[in-house]
Protein backbone atom coordinates (compact mmCIF):
# COMPACT_ATOMS: atom_id res chain seq x y z
CA UNK A 1 0.00 0.00 0.00
CA UNK A 2 2.86 2.41 0.77
CA UNK A 3 4.36 1.64 -2.62
CA UNK A 4 1.17 2.80 -4.40
CA UNK A 5 1.20 6.04 -2.40
CA UNK A 6 4.84 6.66 -3.34
CA UNK A 7 4.07 6.08 -7.03
CA UNK A 8 1.10 8.46 -6.87
CA UNK A 9 3.21 11.19 -5.23
CA UNK A 10 5.92 10.65 -7.82
CA UNK A 11 3.37 10.91 -10.60
CA UNK A 12 1.94 14.11 -9.09
CA UNK A 13 5.42 15.60 -8.84
CA UNK A 14 6.16 14.71 -12.45
CA UNK A 15 2.87 16.20 -13.64
CA UNK A 16 3.55 19.43 -11.72
CA UNK A 17 7.07 19.62 -13.13
CA UNK A 18 5.77 19.18 -16.67
CA UNK A 19 3.08 21.83 -16.14
CA UNK A 20 5.58 24.36 -14.76
CA UNK A 21 7.97 23.57 -17.60
CA UNK A 22 5.20 24.15 -20.13
CA UNK A 23 4.31 27.51 -18.60
CA UNK A 24 7.99 28.48 -18.62
CA UNK A 25 8.26 27.61 -22.32
CA UNK A 26 5.16 29.68 -23.15
CA UNK A 27 6.54 32.69 -21.27
CA UNK A 28 9.95 32.28 -22.91
CA UNK A 29 8.39 31.97 -26.38
CA UNK A 30 6.21 35.03 -25.83
CA UNK A 31 9.29 36.93 -24.71
CA UNK A 32 11.16 35.94 -27.85
CA UNK A 33 8.26 37.03 -30.04
CA UNK A 34 7.83 40.34 -28.23
CA UNK A 35 11.51 41.23 -28.56
CA UNK A 36 11.32 41.25 -32.36
CA UNK A 37 11.43 44.87 -33.62
CA UNK A 38 8.53 44.43 -36.06
CA UNK A 39 6.26 43.06 -33.34
CA UNK A 40 7.24 45.84 -30.92
CA UNK A 41 6.52 48.47 -33.57
CA UNK A 42 3.13 46.90 -34.39
CA UNK A 43 2.11 46.73 -30.73
CA UNK A 44 3.25 50.33 -30.27
CA UNK A 45 1.05 51.49 -33.16
CA UNK A 46 -2.03 49.35 -32.61
CA UNK A 47 -1.82 48.91 -28.86
CA UNK A 48 -2.67 45.66 -27.14
CA UNK A 49 -6.40 46.06 -27.85
CA UNK A 50 -5.68 46.47 -31.56
CA UNK A 51 -3.58 43.35 -31.54
CA UNK A 52 -6.39 41.34 -29.95
CA UNK A 53 -8.95 42.81 -32.38
CA UNK A 54 -6.74 41.80 -35.31
CA UNK A 55 -6.44 38.24 -33.98
CA UNK A 56 -10.17 37.63 -33.44
CA UNK A 57 -11.08 36.93 -37.11
CA UNK A 58 -8.23 34.43 -37.39
CA UNK A 59 -9.32 32.72 -34.19
CA UNK A 60 -12.93 32.50 -35.39
CA UNK A 61 -11.78 31.04 -38.71
CA UNK A 62 -9.62 28.48 -36.87
CA UNK A 63 -12.50 27.41 -34.64
CA UNK A 64 -14.78 27.09 -37.68
CA UNK A 65 -12.24 24.87 -39.47
CA UNK A 66 -11.68 22.82 -36.34
CA UNK A 67 -15.39 22.08 -35.96
CA UNK A 68 -15.65 20.67 -39.51
PDB file of N, CA and C in Angstrom:
ATOM      1  N   UNK A   1       0.821  -1.175   0.000  1.00  0.00           N
ATOM      2  CA  UNK A   1       0.000   0.000   0.000  1.00  0.00           C
ATOM      3  C   UNK A   1       0.876   1.253   0.000  1.00  0.00           C
ATOM      4  N   UNK A   2       1.968   1.256   0.737  1.00  0.00           N
ATOM      5  CA  UNK A   2       2.860   2.412   0.769  1.00  0.00           C
ATOM      6  C   UNK A   2       3.530   2.630  -0.586  1.00  0.00           C
ATOM      7  N   UNK A   3       3.739   1.544  -1.314  1.00  0.00           N
ATOM      8  CA  UNK A   3       4.355   1.640  -2.622  1.00  0.00           C
ATOM      9  C   UNK A   3       3.436   2.374  -3.600  1.00  0.00           C
ATOM     10  N   UNK A   4       2.128   2.107  -3.536  1.00  0.00           N
ATOM     11  CA  UNK A   4       1.172   2.805  -4.396  1.00  0.00           C
ATOM     12  C   UNK A   4       1.142   4.293  -4.079  1.00  0.00           C
ATOM     13  N   UNK A   5       1.210   4.645  -2.816  1.00  0.00           N
ATOM     14  CA  UNK A   5       1.205   6.042  -2.400  1.00  0.00           C
ATOM     15  C   UNK A   5       2.451   6.750  -2.919  1.00  0.00           C
ATOM     16  N   UNK A   6       3.592   6.077  -2.850  1.00  0.00           N
ATOM     17  CA  UNK A   6       4.843   6.661  -3.338  1.00  0.00           C
ATOM     18  C   UNK A   6       4.784   6.875  -4.855  1.00  0.00           C
ATOM     19  N   UNK A   7       4.193   5.926  -5.578  1.00  0.00           N
ATOM     20  CA  UNK A   7       4.074   6.080  -7.027  1.00  0.00           C
ATOM     21  C   UNK A   7       3.143   7.235  -7.372  1.00  0.00           C
ATOM     22  N   UNK A   8       2.052   7.378  -6.619  1.00  0.00           N
ATOM     23  CA  UNK A   8       1.102   8.456  -6.866  1.00  0.00           C
ATOM     24  C   UNK A   8       1.747   9.817  -6.606  1.00  0.00           C
ATOM     25  N   UNK A   9       2.516   9.942  -5.530  1.00  0.00           N
ATOM     26  CA  UNK A   9       3.210  11.194  -5.229  1.00  0.00           C
ATOM     27  C   UNK A   9       4.248  11.497  -6.297  1.00  0.00           C
ATOM     28  N   UNK A  10       4.937  10.468  -6.765  1.00  0.00           N
ATOM     29  CA  UNK A  10       5.924  10.647  -7.815  1.00  0.00           C
ATOM     30  C   UNK A  10       5.256  11.109  -9.104  1.00  0.00           C
ATOM     31  N   UNK A  11       4.115  10.528  -9.400  1.00  0.00           N
ATOM     32  CA  UNK A  11       3.373  10.913 -10.596  1.00  0.00           C
ATOM     33  C   UNK A  11       2.882  12.352 -10.492  1.00  0.00           C
ATOM     34  N   UNK A  12       2.384  12.741  -9.303  1.00  0.00           N
ATOM     35  CA  UNK A  12       1.936  14.109  -9.090  1.00  0.00           C
ATOM     36  C   UNK A  12       3.088  15.094  -9.249  1.00  0.00           C
ATOM     37  N   UNK A  13       4.245  14.734  -8.731  1.00  0.00           N
ATOM     38  CA  UNK A  13       5.420  15.603  -8.844  1.00  0.00           C
ATOM     39  C   UNK A  13       5.829  15.758 -10.304  1.00  0.00           C
ATOM     40  N   UNK A  14       5.783  14.661 -11.041  1.00  0.00           N
ATOM     41  CA  UNK A  14       6.157  14.706 -12.447  1.00  0.00           C
ATOM     42  C   UNK A  14       5.168  15.555 -13.238  1.00  0.00           C
ATOM     43  N   UNK A  15       3.880  15.402 -12.956  1.00  0.00           N
ATOM     44  CA  UNK A  15       2.872  16.204 -13.638  1.00  0.00           C
ATOM     45  C   UNK A  15       3.059  17.690 -13.348  1.00  0.00           C
ATOM     46  N   UNK A  16       3.340  18.022 -12.097  1.00  0.00           N
ATOM     47  CA  UNK A  16       3.551  19.426 -11.723  1.00  0.00           C
ATOM     48  C   UNK A  16       4.790  19.977 -12.413  1.00  0.00           C
ATOM     49  N   UNK A  17       5.845  19.194 -12.468  1.00  0.00           N
ATOM     50  CA  UNK A  17       7.074  19.625 -13.127  1.00  0.00           C
ATOM     51  C   UNK A  17       6.831  19.873 -14.614  1.00  0.00           C
ATOM     52  N   UNK A  18       6.081  18.992 -15.253  1.00  0.00           N
ATOM     53  CA  UNK A  18       5.769  19.182 -16.667  1.00  0.00           C
ATOM     54  C   UNK A  18       4.901  20.423 -16.899  1.00  0.00           C
ATOM     55  N   UNK A  19       3.943  20.656 -16.013  1.00  0.00           N
ATOM     56  CA  UNK A  19       3.077  21.833 -16.139  1.00  0.00           C
ATOM     57  C   UNK A  19       3.885  23.122 -15.981  1.00  0.00           C
ATOM     58  N   UNK A  20       4.751  23.163 -14.980  1.00  0.00           N
ATOM     59  CA  UNK A  20       5.578  24.355 -14.758  1.00  0.00           C
ATOM     60  C   UNK A  20       6.542  24.560 -15.923  1.00  0.00           C
ATOM     61  N   UNK A  21       7.090  23.471 -16.437  1.00  0.00           N
ATOM     62  CA  UNK A  21       7.972  23.571 -17.599  1.00  0.00           C
ATOM     63  C   UNK A  21       7.237  24.089 -18.825  1.00  0.00           C
ATOM     64  N   UNK A  22       5.993  23.665 -19.009  1.00  0.00           N
ATOM     65  CA  UNK A  22       5.200  24.151 -20.132  1.00  0.00           C
ATOM     66  C   UNK A  22       4.902  25.637 -20.014  1.00  0.00           C
ATOM     67  N   UNK A  23       4.571  26.074 -18.825  1.00  0.00           N
ATOM     68  CA  UNK A  23       4.313  27.508 -18.604  1.00  0.00           C
ATOM     69  C   UNK A  23       5.588  28.304 -18.859  1.00  0.00           C
ATOM     70  N   UNK A  24       6.715  27.789 -18.406  1.00  0.00           N
ATOM     71  CA  UNK A  24       7.986  28.484 -18.625  1.00  0.00           C
ATOM     72  C   UNK A  24       8.296  28.599 -20.116  1.00  0.00           C
ATOM     73  N   UNK A  25       8.018  27.555 -20.882  1.00  0.00           N
ATOM     74  CA  UNK A  25       8.257  27.612 -22.324  1.00  0.00           C
ATOM     75  C   UNK A  25       7.337  28.615 -23.008  1.00  0.00           C
ATOM     76  N   UNK A  26       6.098  28.705 -22.572  1.00  0.00           N
ATOM     77  CA  UNK A  26       5.163  29.679 -23.149  1.00  0.00           C
ATOM     78  C   UNK A  26       5.641  31.096 -22.865  1.00  0.00           C
ATOM     79  N   UNK A  27       6.056  31.355 -21.631  1.00  0.00           N
ATOM     80  CA  UNK A  27       6.536  32.692 -21.270  1.00  0.00           C
ATOM     81  C   UNK A  27       7.806  33.021 -22.043  1.00  0.00           C
ATOM     82  N   UNK A  28       8.705  32.069 -22.163  1.00  0.00           N
ATOM     83  CA  UNK A  28       9.947  32.282 -22.907  1.00  0.00           C
ATOM     84  C   UNK A  28       9.656  32.545 -24.384  1.00  0.00           C
ATOM     85  N   UNK A  29       8.753  31.768 -24.970  1.00  0.00           N
ATOM     86  CA  UNK A  29       8.391  31.970 -26.378  1.00  0.00           C
ATOM     87  C   UNK A  29       7.735  33.317 -26.605  1.00  0.00           C
ATOM     88  N   UNK A  30       6.846  33.717 -25.709  1.00  0.00           N
ATOM     89  CA  UNK A  30       6.214  35.031 -25.832  1.00  0.00           C
ATOM     90  C   UNK A  30       7.261  36.133 -25.721  1.00  0.00           C
ATOM     91  N   UNK A  31       8.213  35.950 -24.843  1.00  0.00           N
ATOM     92  CA  UNK A  31       9.293  36.930 -24.715  1.00  0.00           C
ATOM     93  C   UNK A  31      10.114  37.037 -25.977  1.00  0.00           C
ATOM     94  N   UNK A  32      10.404  35.904 -26.599  1.00  0.00           N
ATOM     95  CA  UNK A  32      11.157  35.940 -27.853  1.00  0.00           C
ATOM     96  C   UNK A  32      10.384  36.649 -28.958  1.00  0.00           C
ATOM     97  N   UNK A  33       9.092  36.389 -29.019  1.00  0.00           N
ATOM     98  CA  UNK A  33       8.263  37.032 -30.037  1.00  0.00           C
ATOM     99  C   UNK A  33       8.191  38.533 -29.789  1.00  0.00           C
ATOM    100  N   UNK A  34       7.993  38.923 -28.545  1.00  0.00           N
ATOM    101  CA  UNK A  34       7.827  40.339 -28.231  1.00  0.00           C
ATOM    102  C   UNK A  34       9.112  41.139 -28.340  1.00  0.00           C
ATOM    103  N   UNK A  35      10.266  40.496 -28.401  1.00  0.00           N
ATOM    104  CA  UNK A  35      11.509  41.233 -28.563  1.00  0.00           C
ATOM    105  C   UNK A  35      11.817  41.548 -30.017  1.00  0.00           C
ATOM    106  N   UNK A  36      11.091  40.972 -30.942  1.00  0.00           N
ATOM    107  CA  UNK A  36      11.320  41.251 -32.358  1.00  0.00           C
ATOM    108  C   UNK A  36      10.900  42.689 -32.661  1.00  0.00           C
ATOM    109  N   UNK A  37      11.733  43.447 -33.374  1.00  0.00           N
ATOM    110  CA  UNK A  37      11.431  44.867 -33.620  1.00  0.00           C
ATOM    111  C   UNK A  37      10.116  45.102 -34.360  1.00  0.00           C
ATOM    112  N   UNK A  38       9.778  44.254 -35.314  1.00  0.00           N
ATOM    113  CA  UNK A  38       8.529  44.429 -36.061  1.00  0.00           C
ATOM    114  C   UNK A  38       7.325  44.282 -35.141  1.00  0.00           C
ATOM    115  N   UNK A  39       7.360  43.298 -34.267  1.00  0.00           N
ATOM    116  CA  UNK A  39       6.255  43.061 -33.339  1.00  0.00           C
ATOM    117  C   UNK A  39       6.140  44.231 -32.365  1.00  0.00           C
ATOM    118  N   UNK A  40       7.263  44.702 -31.855  1.00  0.00           N
ATOM    119  CA  UNK A  40       7.238  45.838 -30.918  1.00  0.00           C
ATOM    120  C   UNK A  40       6.678  47.083 -31.591  1.00  0.00           C
ATOM    121  N   UNK A  41       7.031  47.302 -32.837  1.00  0.00           N
ATOM    122  CA  UNK A  41       6.520  48.465 -33.568  1.00  0.00           C
ATOM    123  C   UNK A  41       5.017  48.324 -33.790  1.00  0.00           C
ATOM    124  N   UNK A  42       4.556  47.122 -34.145  1.00  0.00           N
ATOM    125  CA  UNK A  42       3.133  46.903 -34.387  1.00  0.00           C
ATOM    126  C   UNK A  42       2.320  47.093 -33.111  1.00  0.00           C
ATOM    127  N   UNK A  43       2.819  46.569 -31.995  1.00  0.00           N
ATOM    128  CA  UNK A  43       2.111  46.728 -30.725  1.00  0.00           C
ATOM    129  C   UNK A  43       2.110  48.200 -30.310  1.00  0.00           C
ATOM    130  N   UNK A  44       3.198  48.910 -30.597  1.00  0.00           N
ATOM    131  CA  UNK A  44       3.255  50.328 -30.271  1.00  0.00           C
ATOM    132  C   UNK A  44       2.242  51.137 -31.060  1.00  0.00           C
ATOM    133  N   UNK A  45       2.000  50.763 -32.322  1.00  0.00           N
ATOM    134  CA  UNK A  45       1.048  51.495 -33.162  1.00  0.00           C
ATOM    135  C   UNK A  45      -0.392  51.109 -32.838  1.00  0.00           C
ATOM    136  N   UNK A  46      -0.662  49.826 -32.760  1.00  0.00           N
ATOM    137  CA  UNK A  46      -2.034  49.349 -32.608  1.00  0.00           C
ATOM    138  C   UNK A  46      -2.443  49.235 -31.152  1.00  0.00           C
ATOM    139  N   UNK A  47      -1.495  49.139 -30.263  1.00  0.00           N
ATOM    140  CA  UNK A  47      -1.823  48.906 -28.859  1.00  0.00           C
ATOM    141  C   UNK A  47      -2.215  47.454 -28.660  1.00  0.00           C
ATOM    142  N   UNK A  48      -2.332  47.049 -27.432  1.00  0.00           N
ATOM    143  CA  UNK A  48      -2.670  45.656 -27.139  1.00  0.00           C
ATOM    144  C   UNK A  48      -4.091  45.333 -27.566  1.00  0.00           C
ATOM    145  N   UNK A  49      -5.016  46.282 -27.424  1.00  0.00           N
ATOM    146  CA  UNK A  49      -6.397  46.055 -27.854  1.00  0.00           C
ATOM    147  C   UNK A  49      -6.499  45.866 -29.356  1.00  0.00           C
ATOM    148  N   UNK A  50      -5.699  46.625 -30.110  1.00  0.00           N
ATOM    149  CA  UNK A  50      -5.680  46.471 -31.562  1.00  0.00           C
ATOM    150  C   UNK A  50      -5.129  45.128 -31.988  1.00  0.00           C
ATOM    151  N   UNK A  51      -4.159  44.658 -31.241  1.00  0.00           N
ATOM    152  CA  UNK A  51      -3.579  43.349 -31.537  1.00  0.00           C
ATOM    153  C   UNK A  51      -4.600  42.240 -31.319  1.00  0.00           C
ATOM    154  N   UNK A  52      -5.352  42.337 -30.243  1.00  0.00           N
ATOM    155  CA  UNK A  52      -6.389  41.338 -29.953  1.00  0.00           C
ATOM    156  C   UNK A  52      -7.493  41.420 -31.005  1.00  0.00           C
ATOM    157  N   UNK A  53      -7.902  42.635 -31.372  1.00  0.00           N
ATOM    158  CA  UNK A  53      -8.952  42.806 -32.382  1.00  0.00           C
ATOM    159  C   UNK A  53      -8.520  42.241 -33.733  1.00  0.00           C
ATOM    160  N   UNK A  54      -7.246  42.346 -34.049  1.00  0.00           N
ATOM    161  CA  UNK A  54      -6.738  41.804 -35.308  1.00  0.00           C
ATOM    162  C   UNK A  54      -6.696  40.272 -35.275  1.00  0.00           C
ATOM    163  N   UNK A  55      -6.553  39.691 -34.098  1.00  0.00           N
ATOM    164  CA  UNK A  55      -6.442  38.239 -33.984  1.00  0.00           C
ATOM    165  C   UNK A  55      -7.793  37.541 -33.936  1.00  0.00           C
ATOM    166  N   UNK A  56      -8.848  38.255 -33.600  1.00  0.00           N
ATOM    167  CA  UNK A  56     -10.166  37.630 -33.438  1.00  0.00           C
ATOM    168  C   UNK A  56     -10.663  36.966 -34.719  1.00  0.00           C
ATOM    169  N   UNK A  57     -10.601  37.619 -35.896  1.00  0.00           N
ATOM    170  CA  UNK A  57     -11.080  36.928 -37.108  1.00  0.00           C
ATOM    171  C   UNK A  57     -10.316  35.637 -37.408  1.00  0.00           C
ATOM    172  N   UNK A  58      -9.017  35.646 -37.163  1.00  0.00           N
ATOM    173  CA  UNK A  58      -8.234  34.428 -37.390  1.00  0.00           C
ATOM    174  C   UNK A  58      -8.639  33.327 -36.418  1.00  0.00           C
ATOM    175  N   UNK A  59      -8.887  33.695 -35.187  1.00  0.00           N
ATOM    176  CA  UNK A  59      -9.318  32.719 -34.187  1.00  0.00           C
ATOM    177  C   UNK A  59     -10.685  32.143 -34.553  1.00  0.00           C
ATOM    178  N   UNK A  60     -11.610  32.990 -34.988  1.00  0.00           N
ATOM    179  CA  UNK A  60     -12.932  32.499 -35.394  1.00  0.00           C
ATOM    180  C   UNK A  60     -12.826  31.557 -36.594  1.00  0.00           C
ATOM    181  N   UNK A  61     -11.977  31.894 -37.539  1.00  0.00           N
ATOM    182  CA  UNK A  61     -11.784  31.039 -38.710  1.00  0.00           C
ATOM    183  C   UNK A  61     -11.188  29.696 -38.293  1.00  0.00           C
ATOM    184  N   UNK A  62     -10.224  29.714 -37.360  1.00  0.00           N
ATOM    185  CA  UNK A  62      -9.621  28.477 -36.868  1.00  0.00           C
ATOM    186  C   UNK A  62     -10.665  27.601 -36.186  1.00  0.00           C
ATOM    187  N   UNK A  63     -11.480  28.194 -35.342  1.00  0.00           N
ATOM    188  CA  UNK A  63     -12.501  27.409 -34.638  1.00  0.00           C
ATOM    189  C   UNK A  63     -13.524  26.833 -35.618  1.00  0.00           C
ATOM    190  N   UNK A  64     -13.846  27.586 -36.672  1.00  0.00           N
ATOM    191  CA  UNK A  64     -14.783  27.091 -37.677  1.00  0.00           C
ATOM    192  C   UNK A  64     -14.182  25.886 -38.414  1.00  0.00           C
ATOM    193  N   UNK A  65     -12.914  25.984 -38.780  1.00  0.00           N
ATOM    194  CA  UNK A  65     -12.244  24.873 -39.468  1.00  0.00           C
ATOM    195  C   UNK A  65     -12.109  23.659 -38.552  1.00  0.00           C
ATOM    196  N   UNK A  66     -11.846  23.919 -37.282  1.00  0.00           N
ATOM    197  CA  UNK A  66     -11.678  22.822 -36.341  1.00  0.00           C
ATOM    198  C   UNK A  66     -12.982  22.044 -36.135  1.00  0.00           C
ATOM    199  N   UNK A  67     -14.111  22.737 -36.203  1.00  0.00           N
ATOM    200  CA  UNK A  67     -15.389  22.076 -35.957  1.00  0.00           C
ATOM    201  C   UNK A  67     -15.855  21.252 -37.162  1.00  0.00           C
ATOM    202  N   UNK A  68     -15.233  21.422 -38.304  1.00  0.00           N
ATOM    203  CA  UNK A  68     -15.652  20.666 -39.508  1.00  0.00           C
ATOM    204  C   UNK A  68     -15.250  19.229 -39.415  1.00  0.00           C
TER     205      UNK A  68
END
